[in-house]
Amino acid sequence: MADSVPGFNEDTQRARVAAGFKGSDFFKEGNLAPAMTVVNGIPPEVTQKLNVQSFPQMTPGDPWVVRYPNAKMK
């Protein structure tokens, strides 16, 4: 070609992919995850992260809509 870009050939591309599947180290051995440690219960760092602080409760309100149920909000 005039712009020095090689043309597309599907058979060549399929052959390259097949060769990659056959001879590549990537497909020979799987990517193994690190070994997991199973614990009984919740680890202390999780408990500390999930620790809920007590917040002061709000004073219950008594809005006029509750006192006068026939009133309409606009």
PDB file of N, CA and C in Angstrom:
ATOM      1  N   MET A   1       0.830  -1.185   0.000  1.00  0.00           N
ATOM      2  CA  MET A   1       0.000   0.000   0.000  1.00  0.00           C
ATOM      3  C   MET A   1       0.870   1.243   0.000  1.00  0.00           C
ATOM      4  N   ALA A   2       0.285   2.317  -0.385  1.00  0.00           N
ATOM      5  CA  ALA A   2       1.044   3.546  -0.533  1.00  0.00           C
ATOM      6  C   ALA A   2       1.410   4.167   0.809  1.00  0.00           C
ATOM      7  N   ASP A   3       0.598   3.940   1.848  1.00  0.00           N
ATOM      8  CA  ASP A   3       0.888   4.583   3.128  1.00  0.00           C
ATOM      9  C   ASP A   3       1.649   3.670   4.083  1.00  0.00           C
ATOM     10  N   SER A   4       2.160   2.574   3.614  1.00  0.00           N
ATOM     11  CA  SER A   4       2.965   1.599   4.354  1.00  0.00           C
ATOM     12  C   SER A   4       2.214   0.960   5.526  1.00  0.00           C
ATOM     13  N   VAL A   5       0.883   0.981   5.485  1.00  0.00           N
ATOM     14  CA  VAL A   5       0.083   0.277   6.488  1.00  0.00           C
ATOM     15  C   VAL A   5      -0.286  -1.073   5.900  1.00  0.00           C
ATOM     16  N   PRO A   6       0.067  -2.161   6.573  1.00  0.00           N
ATOM     17  CA  PRO A   6      -0.231  -3.469   5.989  1.00  0.00           C
ATOM     18  C   PRO A   6      -1.739  -3.696   5.915  1.00  0.00           C
ATOM     19  N   GLY A   7      -2.159  -4.409   4.885  1.00  0.00           N
ATOM     20  CA  GLY A   7      -3.571  -4.712   4.724  1.00  0.00           C
ATOM     21  C   GLY A   7      -4.019  -5.754   5.738  1.00  0.00           C
ATOM     22  N   PHE A   8      -5.311  -5.821   5.950  1.00  0.00           N
ATOM     23  CA  PHE A   8      -5.862  -6.763   6.908  1.00  0.00           C
ATOM     24  C   PHE A   8      -6.123  -8.093   6.229  1.00  0.00           C
ATOM     25  N   ASN A   9      -5.628  -9.156   6.842  1.00  0.00           N
ATOM     26  CA  ASN A   9      -5.874 -10.505   6.348  1.00  0.00           C
ATOM     27  C   ASN A   9      -6.395 -11.324   7.519  1.00  0.00           C
ATOM     28  N   GLU A  10      -7.635 -11.781   7.405  1.00  0.00           N
ATOM     29  CA  GLU A  10      -8.251 -12.499   8.526  1.00  0.00           C
ATOM     30  C   GLU A  10      -7.538 -13.807   8.829  1.00  0.00           C
ATOM     31  N   ASP A  11      -7.097 -14.514   7.827  1.00  0.00           N
ATOM     32  CA  ASP A  11      -6.398 -15.784   8.061  1.00  0.00           C
ATOM     33  C   ASP A  11      -5.096 -15.565   8.825  1.00  0.00           C
ATOM     34  N   THR A  12      -4.370 -14.510   8.489  1.00  0.00           N
ATOM     35  CA  THR A  12      -3.128 -14.202   9.200  1.00  0.00           C
ATOM     36  C   THR A  12      -3.404 -13.857  10.660  1.00  0.00           C
ATOM     37  N   GLN A  13      -4.453 -13.075  10.885  1.00  0.00           N
ATOM     38  CA  GLN A  13      -4.779 -12.694  12.258  1.00  0.00           C
ATOM     39  C   GLN A  13      -5.210 -13.910  13.082  1.00  0.00           C
ATOM     40  N   ARG A  14      -6.006 -14.799  12.484  1.00  0.00           N
ATOM     41  CA  ARG A  14      -6.422 -16.020  13.181  1.00  0.00           C
ATOM     42  C   ARG A  14      -5.214 -16.905  13.493  1.00  0.00           C
ATOM     43  N   ALA A  15      -4.266 -16.983  12.577  1.00  0.00           N
ATOM     44  CA  ALA A  15      -3.064 -17.786  12.801  1.00  0.00           C
ATOM     45  C   ALA A  15      -2.238 -17.201  13.947  1.00  0.00           C
ATOM     46  N   ARG A  16      -2.149 -15.868  14.023  1.00  0.00           N
ATOM     47  CA  ARG A  16      -1.406 -15.236  15.116  1.00  0.00           C
ATOM     48  C   ARG A  16      -2.057 -15.521  16.471  1.00  0.00           C
ATOM     49  N   VAL A  17      -3.382 -15.459  16.504  1.00  0.00           N
ATOM     50  CA  VAL A  17      -4.093 -15.724  17.756  1.00  0.00           C
ATOM     51  C   VAL A  17      -3.914 -17.185  18.160  1.00  0.00           C
ATOM     52  N   ALA A  18      -4.034 -18.102  17.216  1.00  0.00           N
ATOM     53  CA  ALA A  18      -3.864 -19.522  17.517  1.00  0.00           C
ATOM     54  C   ALA A  18      -2.454 -19.808  18.007  1.00  0.00           C
ATOM     55  N   ALA A  19      -1.465 -19.177  17.403  1.00  0.00           N
ATOM     56  CA  ALA A  19      -0.085 -19.368  17.858  1.00  0.00           C
ATOM     57  C   ALA A  19       0.091 -18.809  19.268  1.00  0.00           C
ATOM     58  N   GLY A  20      -0.580 -17.714  19.556  1.00  0.00           N
ATOM     59  CA  GLY A  20      -0.496 -17.150  20.900  1.00  0.00           C
ATOM     60  C   GLY A  20      -1.114 -18.064  21.942  1.00  0.00           C
ATOM     61  N   PHE A  21      -2.235 -18.703  21.593  1.00  0.00           N
ATOM     62  CA  PHE A  21      -2.861 -19.640  22.522  1.00  0.00           C
ATOM     63  C   PHE A  21      -1.969 -20.845  22.765  1.00  0.00           C
ATOM     64  N   LYS A  22      -1.313 -21.310  21.729  1.00  0.00           N
ATOM     65  CA  LYS A  22      -0.512 -22.533  21.853  1.00  0.00           C
ATOM     66  C   LYS A  22       0.819 -22.286  22.562  1.00  0.00           C
ATOM     67  N   GLY A  23       1.493 -21.210  22.225  1.00  0.00           N
ATOM     68  CA  GLY A  23       2.853 -21.055  22.707  1.00  0.00           C
ATOM     69  C   GLY A  23       3.065 -20.004  23.771  1.00  0.00           C
ATOM     70  N   SER A  24       2.020 -19.356  24.201  1.00  0.00           N
ATOM     71  CA  SER A  24       2.194 -18.264  25.147  1.00  0.00           C
ATOM     72  C   SER A  24       2.284 -18.774  26.574  1.00  0.00           C
ATOM     73  N   ASP A  25       3.139 -18.146  27.359  1.00  0.00           N
ATOM     74  CA  ASP A  25       3.231 -18.500  28.777  1.00  0.00           C
ATOM     75  C   ASP A  25       1.989 -18.060  29.544  1.00  0.00           C
ATOM     76  N   PHE A  26       1.280 -17.084  29.015  1.00  0.00           N
ATOM     77  CA  PHE A  26       0.100 -16.567  29.694  1.00  0.00           C
ATOM     78  C   PHE A  26      -0.973 -17.643  29.840  1.00  0.00           C
ATOM     79  N   PHE A  27      -1.097 -18.509  28.852  1.00  0.00           N
ATOM     80  CA  PHE A  27      -2.142 -19.516  28.878  1.00  0.00           C
ATOM     81  C   PHE A  27      -1.677 -20.845  29.450  1.00  0.00           C
ATOM     82  N   LYS A  28      -0.402 -20.973  29.767  1.00  0.00           N
ATOM     83  CA  LYS A  28       0.084 -22.246  30.312  1.00  0.00           C
ATOM     84  C   LYS A  28      -0.247 -22.390  31.791  1.00  0.00           C
ATOM     85  N   GLU A  29      -0.079 -21.358  32.549  1.00  0.00           N
ATOM     86  CA  GLU A  29      -0.340 -21.416  33.982  1.00  0.00           C
ATOM     87  C   GLU A  29      -1.338 -20.322  34.339  1.00  0.00           C
ATOM     88  N   GLY A  30      -2.327 -20.689  35.123  1.00  0.00           N
ATOM     89  CA  GLY A  30      -3.332 -19.722  35.528  1.00  0.00           C
ATOM     90  C   GLY A  30      -2.780 -18.726  36.532  1.00  0.00           C
ATOM     91  N   ASN A  31      -3.451 -17.623  36.658  1.00  0.00           N
ATOM     92  CA  ASN A  31      -3.072 -16.610  37.630  1.00  0.00           C
ATOM     93  C   ASN A  31      -3.698 -16.986  38.960  1.00  0.00           C
ATOM     94  N   LEU A  32      -2.932 -17.587  39.825  1.00  0.00           N
ATOM     95  CA  LEU A  32      -3.463 -18.087  41.085  1.00  0.00           C
ATOM     96  C   LEU A  32      -3.555 -16.964  42.112  1.00  0.00           C
ATOM     97  N   ALA A  33      -4.657 -16.944  42.813  1.00  0.00           N
ATOM     98  CA  ALA A  33      -4.848 -15.953  43.870  1.00  0.00           C
ATOM     99  C   ALA A  33      -4.056 -16.378  45.100  1.00  0.00           C
ATOM    100  N   PRO A  34      -3.647 -15.435  45.940  1.00  0.00           N
ATOM    101  CA  PRO A  34      -2.933 -15.818  47.154  1.00  0.00           C
ATOM    102  C   PRO A  34      -3.836 -16.638  48.068  1.00  0.00           C
ATOM    103  N   ALA A  35      -3.225 -17.441  48.896  1.00  0.00           N
ATOM    104  CA  ALA A  35      -3.987 -18.304  49.791  1.00  0.00           C
ATOM    105  C   ALA A  35      -4.793 -17.472  50.777  1.00  0.00           C
ATOM    106  N   MET A  36      -6.007 -17.930  51.035  1.00  0.00           N
ATOM    107  CA  MET A  36      -6.887 -17.213  51.950  1.00  0.00           C
ATOM    108  C   MET A  36      -6.759 -17.798  53.350  1.00  0.00           C
ATOM    109  N   THR A  37      -6.892 -16.941  54.333  1.00  0.00           N
ATOM    110  CA  THR A  37      -6.897 -17.379  55.716  1.00  0.00           C
ATOM    111  C   THR A  37      -8.323 -17.275  56.232  1.00  0.00           C
ATOM    112  N   VAL A  38      -8.881 -18.398  56.623  1.00  0.00           N
ATOM    113  CA  VAL A  38     -10.242 -18.425  57.121  1.00  0.00           C
ATOM    114  C   VAL A  38     -10.205 -18.237  58.632  1.00  0.00           C
ATOM    115  N   VAL A  39     -10.955 -17.263  59.108  1.00  0.00           N
ATOM    116  CA  VAL A  39     -10.987 -16.998  60.551  1.00  0.00           C
ATOM    117  C   VAL A  39     -12.385 -17.280  61.069  1.00  0.00           C
ATOM    118  N   ASN A  40     -12.460 -17.588  62.336  1.00  0.00           N
ATOM    119  CA  ASN A  40     -13.734 -17.846  62.964  1.00  0.00           C
ATOM    120  C   ASN A  40     -14.168 -16.574  63.678  1.00  0.00           C
ATOM    121  N   GLY A  41     -15.252 -15.977  63.233  1.00  0.00           N
ATOM    122  CA  GLY A  41     -15.707 -14.737  63.842  1.00  0.00           C
ATOM    123  C   GLY A  41     -15.278 -13.538  63.016  1.00  0.00           C
ATOM    124  N   ILE A  42     -15.376 -12.373  63.610  1.00  0.00           N
ATOM    125  CA  ILE A  42     -15.044 -11.119  62.929  1.00  0.00           C
ATOM    126  C   ILE A  42     -13.701 -10.632  63.441  1.00  0.00           C
ATOM    127  N   PRO A  43     -12.759 -10.334  62.560  1.00  0.00           N
ATOM    128  CA  PRO A  43     -11.462  -9.836  63.005  1.00  0.00           C
ATOM    129  C   PRO A  43     -11.614  -8.501  63.738  1.00  0.00           C
ATOM    130  N   PRO A  44     -10.722  -8.211  64.688  1.00  0.00           N
ATOM    131  CA  PRO A  44     -10.853  -6.979  65.466  1.00  0.00           C
ATOM    132  C   PRO A  44     -10.768  -5.710  64.628  1.00  0.00           C
ATOM    133  N   GLU A  45      -9.988  -5.709  63.551  1.00  0.00           N
ATOM    134  CA  GLU A  45      -9.890  -4.490  62.749  1.00  0.00           C
ATOM    135  C   GLU A  45     -11.204  -4.194  62.032  1.00  0.00           C
ATOM    136  N   VAL A  46     -11.959  -5.248  61.691  1.00  0.00           N
ATOM    137  CA  VAL A  46     -13.263  -5.027  61.069  1.00  0.00           C
ATOM    138  C   VAL A  46     -14.244  -4.497  62.107  1.00  0.00           C
ATOM    139  N   THR A  47     -14.192  -5.059  63.298  1.00  0.00           N
ATOM    140  CA  THR A  47     -15.076  -4.589  64.369  1.00  0.00           C
ATOM    141  C   THR A  47     -14.797  -3.127  64.688  1.00  0.00           C
ATOM    142  N   GLN A  48     -13.539  -2.745  64.711  1.00  0.00           N
ATOM    143  CA  GLN A  48     -13.193  -1.362  65.001  1.00  0.00           C
ATOM    144  C   GLN A  48     -13.685  -0.431  63.890  1.00  0.00           C
ATOM    145  N   LYS A  49     -13.566  -0.870  62.638  1.00  0.00           N
ATOM    146  CA  LYS A  49     -13.997  -0.039  61.527  1.00  0.00           C
ATOM    147  C   LYS A  49     -15.521   0.107  61.504  1.00  0.00           C
ATOM    148  N   LEU A  50     -16.218  -0.938  61.886  1.00  0.00           N
ATOM    149  CA  LEU A  50     -17.674  -0.911  61.863  1.00  0.00           C
ATOM    150  C   LEU A  50     -18.281  -0.410  63.174  1.00  0.00           C
ATOM    151  N   ASN A  51     -17.436  -0.025  64.107  1.00  0.00           N
ATOM    152  CA  ASN A  51     -17.942   0.416  65.397  1.00  0.00           C
ATOM    153  C   ASN A  51     -18.806   1.663  65.206  1.00  0.00           C
ATOM    154  N   VAL A  52     -20.017   1.581  65.732  1.00  0.00           N
ATOM    155  CA  VAL A  52     -20.957   2.687  65.572  1.00  0.00           C
ATOM    156  C   VAL A  52     -20.920   3.536  66.829  1.00  0.00           C
ATOM    157  N   GLN A  53     -20.747   4.813  66.633  1.00  0.00           N
ATOM    158  CA  GLN A  53     -20.739   5.720  67.776  1.00  0.00           C
ATOM    159  C   GLN A  53     -22.175   6.088  68.121  1.00  0.00           C
ATOM    160  N   SER A  54     -22.393   6.386  69.377  1.00  0.00           N
ATOM    161  CA  SER A  54     -23.737   6.809  69.767  1.00  0.00           C
ATOM    162  C   SER A  54     -23.840   8.321  69.574  1.00  0.00           C
ATOM    163  N   PHE A  55     -24.891   8.732  68.933  1.00  0.00           N
ATOM    164  CA  PHE A  55     -25.132  10.137  68.679  1.00  0.00           C
ATOM    165  C   PHE A  55     -26.313  10.585  69.522  1.00  0.00           C
ATOM    166  N   PRO A  56     -26.324  11.823  69.986  1.00  0.00           N
ATOM    167  CA  PRO A  56     -27.463  12.290  70.763  1.00  0.00           C
ATOM    168  C   PRO A  56     -28.728  12.269  69.912  1.00  0.00           C
ATOM    169  N   GLN A  57     -29.794  11.798  70.527  1.00  0.00           N
ATOM    170  CA  GLN A  57     -31.058  11.701  69.806  1.00  0.00           C
ATOM    171  C   GLN A  57     -31.710  13.075  69.704  1.00  0.00           C
ATOM    172  N   MET A  58     -32.380  13.302  68.591  1.00  0.00           N
ATOM    173  CA  MET A  58     -33.067  14.567  68.402  1.00  0.00           C
ATOM    174  C   MET A  58     -34.336  14.585  69.252  1.00  0.00           C
ATOM    175  N   THR A  59     -34.718  15.759  69.657  1.00  0.00           N
ATOM    176  CA  THR A  59     -35.961  15.910  70.393  1.00  0.00           C
ATOM    177  C   THR A  59     -37.118  15.655  69.431  1.00  0.00           C
ATOM    178  N   PRO A  60     -38.057  14.795  69.825  1.00  0.00           N
ATOM    179  CA  PRO A  60     -39.165  14.542  68.908  1.00  0.00           C
ATOM    180  C   PRO A  60     -39.947  15.809  68.642  1.00  0.00           C
ATOM    181  N   GLY A  61     -40.280  16.014  67.406  1.00  0.00           N
ATOM    182  CA  GLY A  61     -41.018  17.210  67.028  1.00  0.00           C
ATOM    183  C   GLY A  61     -42.519  16.973  67.072  1.00  0.00           C
ATOM    184  N   ASP A  62     -43.243  18.042  67.078  1.00  0.00           N
ATOM    185  CA  ASP A  62     -44.697  17.973  67.062  1.00  0.00           C
ATOM    186  C   ASP A  62     -45.186  18.962  66.006  1.00  0.00           C
ATOM    187  N   PRO A  63     -45.066  18.585  64.724  1.00  0.00           N
ATOM    188  CA  PRO A  63     -45.429  19.544  63.683  1.00  0.00           C
ATOM    189  C   PRO A  63     -46.940  19.797  63.654  1.00  0.00           C
ATOM    190  N   TRP A  64     -47.300  20.927  63.148  1.00  0.00           N
ATOM    191  CA  TRP A  64     -48.707  21.313  63.120  1.00  0.00           C
ATOM    192  C   TRP A  64     -49.532  20.408  62.236  1.00  0.00           C
ATOM    193  N   VAL A  65     -48.876  19.722  61.274  1.00  0.00           N
ATOM    194  CA  VAL A  65     -49.607  18.811  60.394  1.00  0.00           C
ATOM    195  C   VAL A  65     -50.112  17.609  61.185  1.00  0.00           C
ATOM    196  N   VAL A  66     -49.351  17.200  62.216  1.00  0.00           N
ATOM    197  CA  VAL A  66     -49.781  16.085  63.040  1.00  0.00           C
ATOM    198  C   VAL A  66     -50.916  16.535  63.964  1.00  0.00           C
ATOM    199  N   ARG A  67     -50.807  17.719  64.502  1.00  0.00           N
ATOM    200  CA  ARG A  67     -51.845  18.214  65.411  1.00  0.00           C
ATOM    201  C   ARG A  67     -53.158  18.458  64.686  1.00  0.00           C
ATOM    202  N   TYR A  68     -53.071  18.955  63.484  1.00  0.00           N
ATOM    203  CA  TYR A  68     -54.267  19.280  62.717  1.00  0.00           C
ATOM    204  C   TYR A  68     -54.275  18.423  61.445  1.00  0.00           C
ATOM    205  N   PRO A  69     -54.771  17.167  61.532  1.00  0.00           N
ATOM    206  CA  PRO A  69     -54.671  16.265  60.385  1.00  0.00           C
ATOM    207  C   PRO A  69     -55.483  16.718  59.178  1.00  0.00           C
ATOM    208  N   ASN A  70     -56.445  17.587  59.370  1.00  0.00           N
ATOM    209  CA  ASN A  70     -57.228  18.054  58.234  1.00  0.00           C
ATOM    210  C   ASN A  70     -56.572  19.228  57.522  1.00  0.00           C
ATOM    211  N   ALA A  71     -55.485  19.741  58.101  1.00  0.00           N
ATOM    212  CA  ALA A  71     -54.802  20.867  57.472  1.00  0.00           C
ATOM    213  C   ALA A  71     -54.015  20.365  56.268  1.00  0.00           C
ATOM    214  N   LYS A  72     -53.845  21.192  55.291  1.00  0.00           N
ATOM    215  CA  LYS A  72     -53.123  20.808  54.076  1.00  0.00           C
ATOM    216  C   LYS A  72     -51.844  21.627  53.969  1.00  0.00           C
ATOM    217  N   MET A  73     -50.762  20.938  53.599  1.00  0.00           N
ATOM    218  CA  MET A  73     -49.520  21.656  53.398  1.00  0.00           C
ATOM    219  C   MET A  73     -49.506  22.240  51.993  1.00  0.00           C
ATOM    220  N   LYS A  74     -49.034  23.464  51.879  1.00  0.00           N
ATOM    221  CA  LYS A  74     -48.966  24.098  50.564  1.00  0.00           C
ATOM    222  C   LYS A  74     -47.550  24.397  50.201  1.00  0.00           C
TER     223      LYS A  74
END
